């Protein structure tokens, strides 16, 4: 894959809201399927399931709502799921922090397998969180409480591991999210160190982004990371209630604080229920649109960014607008200015 020589960044407008309270409660992550299917991972202390959704949103609460999984410790159940990914056949893989395992389902919701056990040896897990496929279809798992990344086959056979506890380059302190880009590079959210670390496909450190804080390019307990086909990097800066965007070299570009509108299903629900209309009439709409504890961020093949808005029970969607530039359309890098004295 060859990335563009440069980008004309035309804008990144808000596109739409998906879901609503009662049917997409506490969305932690999303994965994408064919024909507009979206798998929304939901979790609370009393429920855990994958909601099968669609980009067009539901028409009403009376639509047939498909849920996969469920709360529990038995095979095919989940207790505290963190992230979800889908392979080319839309088989779904979910990390479960509380049960120290990975659970897989078919796209029709049939339980396929559990793998993983608690421990600190190679192939064992302790509070797994982020999960991603590499170019060979292997599964990279962020082994949070062991402060490392482990690689498995999709059937759960251990292959390798890298990382250790600490704050030096290549070390982790309770890492969380993970993403593998189209070039095979790996991005890991280093949660307690408030940074993103980039590695090559062999686990060798490349660079890091971020420090602790609430300024541009700083993080407060980041949780998710995604990289689009242009190499732009998106970070769910959960503790600062925002998503931040960086270019492929880690330079800060912009932030997203939330622009939610009522989703299609929410509008139709409220048109037939007078009481929530009165509550919304009394609400501070400036606050209503903002992100609250985004747990993840994902990008699809159409340049759309999806932000699971965890404490607002919805997913906010933005559309990237950018034009690829040729070498002739982009001036060479500017040299750093120098101070001259007379």
Protein backbone atom coordinates (compact mmCIF):
# COMPACT_ATOMS: atom_id res chain seq x y z
CA UNK A 1 0.00 0.00 0.00
CA UNK A 2 1.24 3.49 -0.90
CA UNK A 3 0.03 6.48 1.06
CA UNK A 4 -0.61 9.83 -0.64
CA UNK A 5 2.21 12.32 -0.99
CA UNK A 6 0.08 14.84 0.87
CA UNK A 7 -3.47 15.76 1.80
CA UNK A 8 -5.70 18.75 1.22
CA UNK A 9 -7.74 18.57 4.41
CA UNK A 10 -11.09 20.07 3.43
CA UNK A 11 -12.92 19.39 6.69
CA UNK A 12 -14.21 16.74 9.08
CA UNK A 13 -17.90 17.48 9.68
CA UNK A 14 -20.24 15.65 12.02
CA UNK A 15 -22.35 13.17 10.07
CA UNK A 16 -24.89 11.45 12.30
CA UNK A 17 -25.74 9.81 15.62
CA UNK A 18 -26.51 6.12 16.00
CA UNK A 19 -28.49 4.54 18.83
CA UNK A 20 -30.06 5.85 22.01
CA UNK A 21 -30.49 5.06 25.67
CA UNK A 22 -32.27 1.77 26.43
CA UNK A 23 -31.02 0.02 23.28
CA UNK A 24 -27.35 1.04 23.00
CA UNK A 25 -26.53 1.52 26.68
CA UNK A 26 -22.86 2.15 27.44
CA UNK A 27 -21.27 1.40 24.06
CA UNK A 28 -17.62 0.43 24.56
CA UNK A 29 -16.57 -0.32 20.97
CA UNK A 30 -17.78 -0.97 17.43
CA UNK A 31 -16.81 -3.27 14.56
CA UNK A 32 -17.92 -3.19 10.93
CA UNK A 33 -19.54 -5.73 8.64
CA UNK A 34 -20.82 -5.77 5.07
CA UNK A 35 -23.89 -3.92 3.78
CA UNK A 36 -23.75 -1.29 6.50
CA UNK A 37 -23.80 -3.67 9.46
CA UNK A 38 -22.26 -2.33 12.65
CA UNK A 39 -21.60 -4.45 15.72
CA UNK A 40 -21.86 -2.32 18.87
CA UNK A 41 -20.30 -3.78 22.01
CA UNK A 42 -22.37 -2.87 25.09
CA UNK A 43 -21.52 -3.39 28.72
CA UNK A 44 -22.89 -2.52 32.15
CA UNK A 45 -22.69 -4.19 35.53
CA UNK A 46 -25.90 -6.07 34.72
CA UNK A 47 -25.57 -6.73 30.98
CA UNK A 48 -23.01 -7.51 28.30
CA UNK A 49 -23.85 -8.06 24.66
CA UNK A 50 -23.14 -7.20 21.05
CA UNK A 51 -25.93 -5.19 19.43
CA UNK A 52 -26.26 -5.78 15.69
CA UNK A 53 -26.96 -2.35 14.23
CA UNK A 54 -27.03 -0.71 10.81
CA UNK A 55 -25.55 2.52 9.50
CA UNK A 56 -29.08 3.71 8.60
CA UNK A 57 -30.02 3.35 12.31
CA UNK A 58 -33.16 1.65 13.62
CA UNK A 59 -36.61 2.96 12.76
CA UNK A 60 -38.09 2.49 16.23
CA UNK A 61 -37.75 0.60 19.49
CA UNK A 62 -40.19 -1.96 18.13
CA UNK A 63 -37.69 -3.03 15.44
CA UNK A 64 -36.27 -6.49 15.94
CA UNK A 65 -33.11 -5.85 17.95
CA UNK A 66 -30.50 -8.58 17.69
CA UNK A 67 -28.17 -9.14 20.61
CA UNK A 68 -25.22 -11.55 20.72
CA UNK A 69 -23.67 -12.99 23.85
CA UNK A 70 -25.06 -12.01 27.21
CA UNK A 71 -23.91 -11.57 30.78
CA UNK A 72 -22.30 -14.53 32.49
CA UNK A 73 -19.25 -16.74 32.88
CA UNK A 74 -20.35 -19.72 30.79
CA UNK A 75 -19.11 -20.38 27.27
CA UNK A 76 -20.44 -17.72 24.92
CA UNK A 77 -21.09 -15.26 27.74
CA UNK A 78 -19.22 -12.12 28.77
CA UNK A 79 -18.72 -10.26 32.04
CA UNK A 80 -16.73 -7.10 31.25
CA UNK A 81 -16.05 -6.95 27.50
CA UNK A 82 -13.68 -4.22 26.33
CA UNK A 83 -13.14 -4.32 22.57
CA UNK A 84 -14.50 -6.10 19.50
CA UNK A 85 -13.08 -6.88 16.05
CA UNK A 86 -14.53 -8.61 12.99
CA UNK A 87 -12.64 -10.71 10.43
CA UNK A 88 -13.36 -10.92 6.70
CA UNK A 89 -16.17 -13.43 7.34
CA UNK A 90 -17.61 -11.22 10.10
CA UNK A 91 -16.63 -13.64 12.80
CA UNK A 92 -16.51 -11.52 15.94
CA UNK A 93 -13.77 -11.59 18.57
CA UNK A 94 -14.30 -9.91 21.95
CA UNK A 95 -11.82 -9.35 24.76
CA UNK A 96 -13.16 -9.92 28.27
CA UNK A 97 -11.20 -8.14 30.99
CA UNK A 98 -12.95 -9.85 33.90
CA UNK A 99 -12.85 -13.41 32.53
CA UNK A 100 -9.28 -13.09 31.14
CA UNK A 101 -10.24 -14.53 27.78
CA UNK A 102 -11.23 -13.93 24.18
CA UNK A 103 -14.68 -15.02 23.01
CA UNK A 104 -15.63 -15.47 19.37
CA UNK A 105 -19.00 -15.61 17.62
CA UNK A 106 -20.20 -16.00 14.05
CA UNK A 107 -21.98 -13.04 12.47
CA UNK A 108 -25.24 -14.88 13.14
CA UNK A 109 -24.48 -14.84 16.84
CA UNK A 110 -23.48 -18.47 17.24
CA UNK A 111 -20.83 -19.09 19.88
CA UNK A 112 -17.58 -20.33 18.35
CA UNK A 113 -14.88 -20.48 21.03
CA UNK A 114 -13.34 -19.15 24.22
CA UNK A 115 -9.60 -19.05 24.68
CA UNK A 116 -7.24 -17.69 27.28
CA UNK A 117 -6.65 -18.26 30.98
CA UNK A 118 -5.52 -16.02 33.80
CA UNK A 119 -1.81 -15.88 34.49
CA UNK A 120 1.48 -14.23 33.60
CA UNK A 121 3.18 -16.89 31.50
CA UNK A 122 3.36 -16.66 27.74
CA UNK A 123 -0.12 -17.27 26.34
CA UNK A 124 -1.84 -16.46 29.62
CA UNK A 125 -3.83 -13.25 30.12
CA UNK A 126 -4.51 -10.86 32.98
CA UNK A 127 -7.24 -8.33 32.24
CA UNK A 128 -7.04 -8.27 28.41
CA UNK A 129 -8.40 -5.15 26.73
CA UNK A 130 -7.41 -4.06 23.21
CA UNK A 131 -7.58 -6.55 20.35
CA UNK A 132 -6.60 -6.32 16.67
CA UNK A 133 -5.78 -8.47 13.64
CA UNK A 134 -2.38 -8.31 11.99
CA UNK A 135 -1.80 -8.72 8.24
CA UNK A 136 -1.63 -12.52 8.60
CA UNK A 137 -4.92 -12.80 10.46
CA UNK A 138 -3.28 -13.37 13.83
CA UNK A 139 -4.82 -11.72 16.88
CA UNK A 140 -2.87 -9.16 18.89
CA UNK A 141 -4.15 -8.86 22.46
CA UNK A 142 -3.26 -6.10 24.89
CA UNK A 143 -2.53 -7.99 28.12
CA UNK A 144 -3.21 -5.02 30.37
CA UNK A 145 -2.24 -6.15 33.85
CA UNK A 146 0.81 -7.99 32.51
CA UNK A 147 1.87 -4.77 30.74
CA UNK A 148 2.50 -6.38 27.36
CA UNK A 149 1.12 -7.30 23.94
CA UNK A 150 0.68 -10.94 22.96
CA UNK A 151 0.14 -12.51 19.55
CA UNK A 152 -2.10 -15.55 18.99
CA UNK A 153 -3.55 -17.39 16.05
CA UNK A 154 -7.26 -16.80 15.58
CA UNK A 155 -7.78 -20.18 17.26
CA UNK A 156 -5.94 -18.98 20.36
CA UNK A 157 -2.53 -20.63 19.92
CA UNK A 158 0.19 -18.51 21.51
CA UNK A 159 2.84 -17.15 19.11
CA UNK A 160 4.84 -14.40 20.80
CA UNK A 161 4.83 -11.51 23.28
CA UNK A 162 6.58 -8.18 23.78
CA UNK A 163 6.62 -5.33 26.28
CA UNK A 164 7.25 -4.97 30.00
CA UNK A 165 6.27 -2.72 32.88
CA UNK A 166 7.70 0.80 32.90
CA UNK A 167 7.67 4.21 31.24
CA UNK A 168 10.63 3.92 28.88
CA UNK A 169 10.07 3.54 25.12
CA UNK A 170 8.63 0.10 24.46
CA UNK A 171 7.45 -0.34 28.04
CA UNK A 172 3.86 -0.08 29.28
CA UNK A 173 1.86 0.83 32.34
CA UNK A 174 -1.56 -0.79 31.96
CA UNK A 175 -1.90 -0.52 28.16
CA UNK A 176 -5.43 -0.53 26.75
CA UNK A 177 -6.36 -0.07 23.06
CA UNK A 178 -4.50 -1.29 19.98
CA UNK A 179 -4.62 -0.87 16.21
CA UNK A 180 -2.68 -2.38 13.30
CA UNK A 181 -2.56 -0.12 10.25
CA UNK A 182 -2.52 -1.16 6.61
CA UNK A 183 1.29 -1.09 6.56
CA UNK A 184 1.47 -3.52 9.47
CA UNK A 185 2.60 -1.01 12.08
CA UNK A 186 1.13 -1.40 15.57
CA UNK A 187 -0.22 1.42 17.75
CA UNK A 188 -0.76 0.78 21.46
CA UNK A 189 -2.58 3.00 23.94
CA UNK A 190 -0.34 3.21 27.01
CA UNK A 191 -3.14 4.09 29.44
CA UNK A 192 -1.41 5.01 32.66
CA UNK A 193 1.57 6.59 30.87
CA UNK A 194 -0.84 8.84 28.92
CA UNK A 195 0.71 8.20 25.54
CA UNK A 196 0.41 6.29 22.28
CA UNK A 197 3.33 4.12 21.22
CA UNK A 198 3.97 3.05 17.64
CA UNK A 199 5.85 -0.17 16.84
CA UNK A 200 6.74 -1.98 13.64
CA UNK A 201 5.28 -5.42 12.92
CA UNK A 202 8.10 -7.06 14.90
CA UNK A 203 7.29 -5.07 18.03
CA UNK A 204 10.23 -2.67 17.69
CA UNK A 205 9.58 0.84 19.04
CA UNK A 206 9.17 3.61 16.42
CA UNK A 207 7.85 6.71 18.22
CA UNK A 208 5.45 7.91 20.87
CA UNK A 209 2.76 10.61 21.04
CA UNK A 210 1.53 12.52 24.05
CA UNK A 211 2.15 13.52 27.63
CA UNK A 212 -0.19 13.86 30.61
CA UNK A 213 -2.53 16.84 30.60
CA UNK A 214 -5.52 18.44 28.90
CA UNK A 215 -3.79 20.58 26.28
CA UNK A 216 -3.63 19.85 22.58
CA UNK A 217 -1.67 16.65 22.05
CA UNK A 218 -1.87 15.71 25.73
CA UNK A 219 -3.91 12.84 27.20
CA UNK A 220 -5.79 11.93 30.34
CA UNK A 221 -6.14 8.15 30.42
CA UNK A 222 -6.57 7.45 26.69
CA UNK A 223 -8.41 4.24 25.81
CA UNK A 224 -8.62 3.73 22.05
CA UNK A 225 -6.64 4.35 18.88
CA UNK A 226 -7.36 4.02 15.17
CA UNK A 227 -5.41 4.81 11.99
CA UNK A 228 -7.02 5.50 8.62
CA UNK A 229 -5.76 4.70 5.12
CA UNK A 230 -4.02 8.09 4.91
CA UNK A 231 -2.03 7.36 8.06
CA UNK A 232 -3.91 9.84 10.25
CA UNK A 233 -4.07 8.74 13.88
CA UNK A 234 -7.17 9.08 16.09
CA UNK A 235 -7.06 8.74 19.87
CA UNK A 236 -9.99 8.35 22.27
CA UNK A 237 -8.82 10.69 25.05
CA UNK A 238 -11.35 9.33 27.53
CA UNK A 239 -10.45 11.33 30.62
CA UNK A 240 -10.60 14.58 28.64
CA UNK A 241 -13.92 13.61 26.99
CA UNK A 242 -12.65 14.04 23.44
CA UNK A 243 -11.00 12.45 20.43
CA UNK A 244 -7.72 13.88 19.15
CA UNK A 245 -6.35 13.56 15.62
CA UNK A 246 -2.69 13.47 14.57
CA UNK A 247 -0.93 13.07 11.23
CA UNK A 248 1.13 9.98 10.43
CA UNK A 249 4.20 11.53 12.05
CA UNK A 250 2.39 12.25 15.32
CA UNK A 251 1.82 15.98 14.81
CA UNK A 252 -1.39 17.23 16.43
CA UNK A 253 -4.10 18.30 13.95
CA UNK A 254 -7.42 18.79 15.71
CA UNK A 255 -9.82 17.57 18.39
CA UNK A 256 -13.44 16.46 18.46
CA UNK A 257 -15.50 17.36 21.53
CA UNK A 258 -18.85 16.03 20.34
CA UNK A 259 -21.60 17.33 18.06
CA UNK A 260 -24.37 14.80 18.61
CA UNK A 261 -27.85 15.27 17.23
CA UNK A 262 -30.81 13.04 17.99
CA UNK A 263 -30.54 9.77 16.11
CA UNK A 264 -33.27 8.55 13.82
CA UNK A 265 -34.53 6.05 16.37
CA UNK A 266 -34.44 8.65 19.16
CA UNK A 267 -36.44 11.16 17.13
CA UNK A 268 -39.14 8.64 16.33
CA UNK A 269 -39.30 7.53 19.96
CA UNK A 270 -39.68 11.07 21.26
CA UNK A 271 -42.42 11.92 18.79
CA UNK A 272 -44.62 9.38 20.56
CA UNK A 273 -43.55 10.17 24.14
CA UNK A 274 -44.40 13.55 25.62
CA UNK A 275 -42.35 13.39 28.83
CA UNK A 276 -38.85 13.11 27.25
CA UNK A 277 -39.78 15.97 24.94
CA UNK A 278 -40.39 18.15 28.00
CA UNK A 279 -37.05 17.09 29.49
CA UNK A 280 -35.20 17.94 26.28
CA UNK A 281 -37.00 21.29 26.14
CA UNK A 282 -35.48 22.06 29.55
CA UNK A 283 -31.99 20.74 28.75
CA UNK A 284 -28.76 22.60 28.02
CA UNK A 285 -28.35 21.48 24.42
CA UNK A 286 -24.77 22.74 24.29
CA UNK A 287 -23.88 20.12 26.90
CA UNK A 288 -26.12 17.44 25.40
CA UNK A 289 -24.05 17.18 22.21
CA UNK A 290 -20.68 16.66 23.92
CA UNK A 291 -18.76 13.40 24.26
CA UNK A 292 -18.74 11.75 27.66
CA UNK A 293 -16.03 9.16 28.33
CA UNK A 294 -15.42 7.86 24.80
CA UNK A 295 -13.96 4.38 25.28
CA UNK A 296 -12.86 3.75 21.71
CA UNK A 297 -12.54 5.22 18.24
CA UNK A 298 -12.79 3.40 14.90
CA UNK A 299 -12.53 4.38 11.23
CA UNK A 300 -14.13 2.56 8.30
CA UNK A 301 -13.14 2.28 4.66
CA UNK A 302 -15.28 5.28 3.71
CA UNK A 303 -13.34 7.78 5.81
CA UNK A 304 -15.93 7.83 8.58
CA UNK A 305 -14.88 8.06 12.22
CA UNK A 306 -17.06 6.33 14.83
CA UNK A 307 -16.87 7.36 18.49
CA UNK A 308 -18.68 5.17 21.06
CA UNK A 309 -20.04 7.87 23.37
CA UNK A 310 -20.03 5.66 26.45
CA UNK A 311 -21.92 7.71 29.02
CA UNK A 312 -24.37 9.17 26.51
CA UNK A 313 -25.49 5.75 25.15
CA UNK A 314 -24.84 6.51 21.49
CA UNK A 315 -22.25 6.47 18.73
CA UNK A 316 -21.18 9.75 17.11
CA UNK A 317 -20.09 9.57 13.47
CA UNK A 318 -17.93 12.06 11.55
CA UNK A 319 -16.98 12.16 7.85
CA UNK A 320 -13.43 12.94 6.79
CA UNK A 321 -13.11 15.19 3.73
CA UNK A 322 -9.62 15.11 2.23
CA UNK A 323 -8.13 15.17 -1.27
CA UNK A 324 -4.93 13.30 -2.12
CA UNK A 325 -2.18 15.54 -3.43
CA UNK A 326 0.61 14.71 -5.85
CA UNK A 327 4.18 15.85 -5.37
CA UNK A 328 3.56 18.70 -7.83
CA UNK A 329 0.60 19.92 -5.78
CA UNK A 330 2.47 20.21 -2.47
CA UNK A 331 5.43 22.50 -1.87
CA UNK A 332 8.56 21.03 -0.25
CA UNK A 333 8.81 21.18 3.56
CA UNK A 334 9.70 24.62 4.86
CA UNK A 335 13.06 24.98 6.51
CA UNK A 336 13.02 26.06 10.14
CA UNK A 337 13.41 29.84 10.44
CA UNK A 338 16.65 31.13 11.90
CA UNK A 339 17.17 34.22 13.99
CA UNK A 340 19.53 36.80 12.54
CA UNK A 341 21.20 39.51 14.53
CA UNK A 342 22.75 42.67 13.18
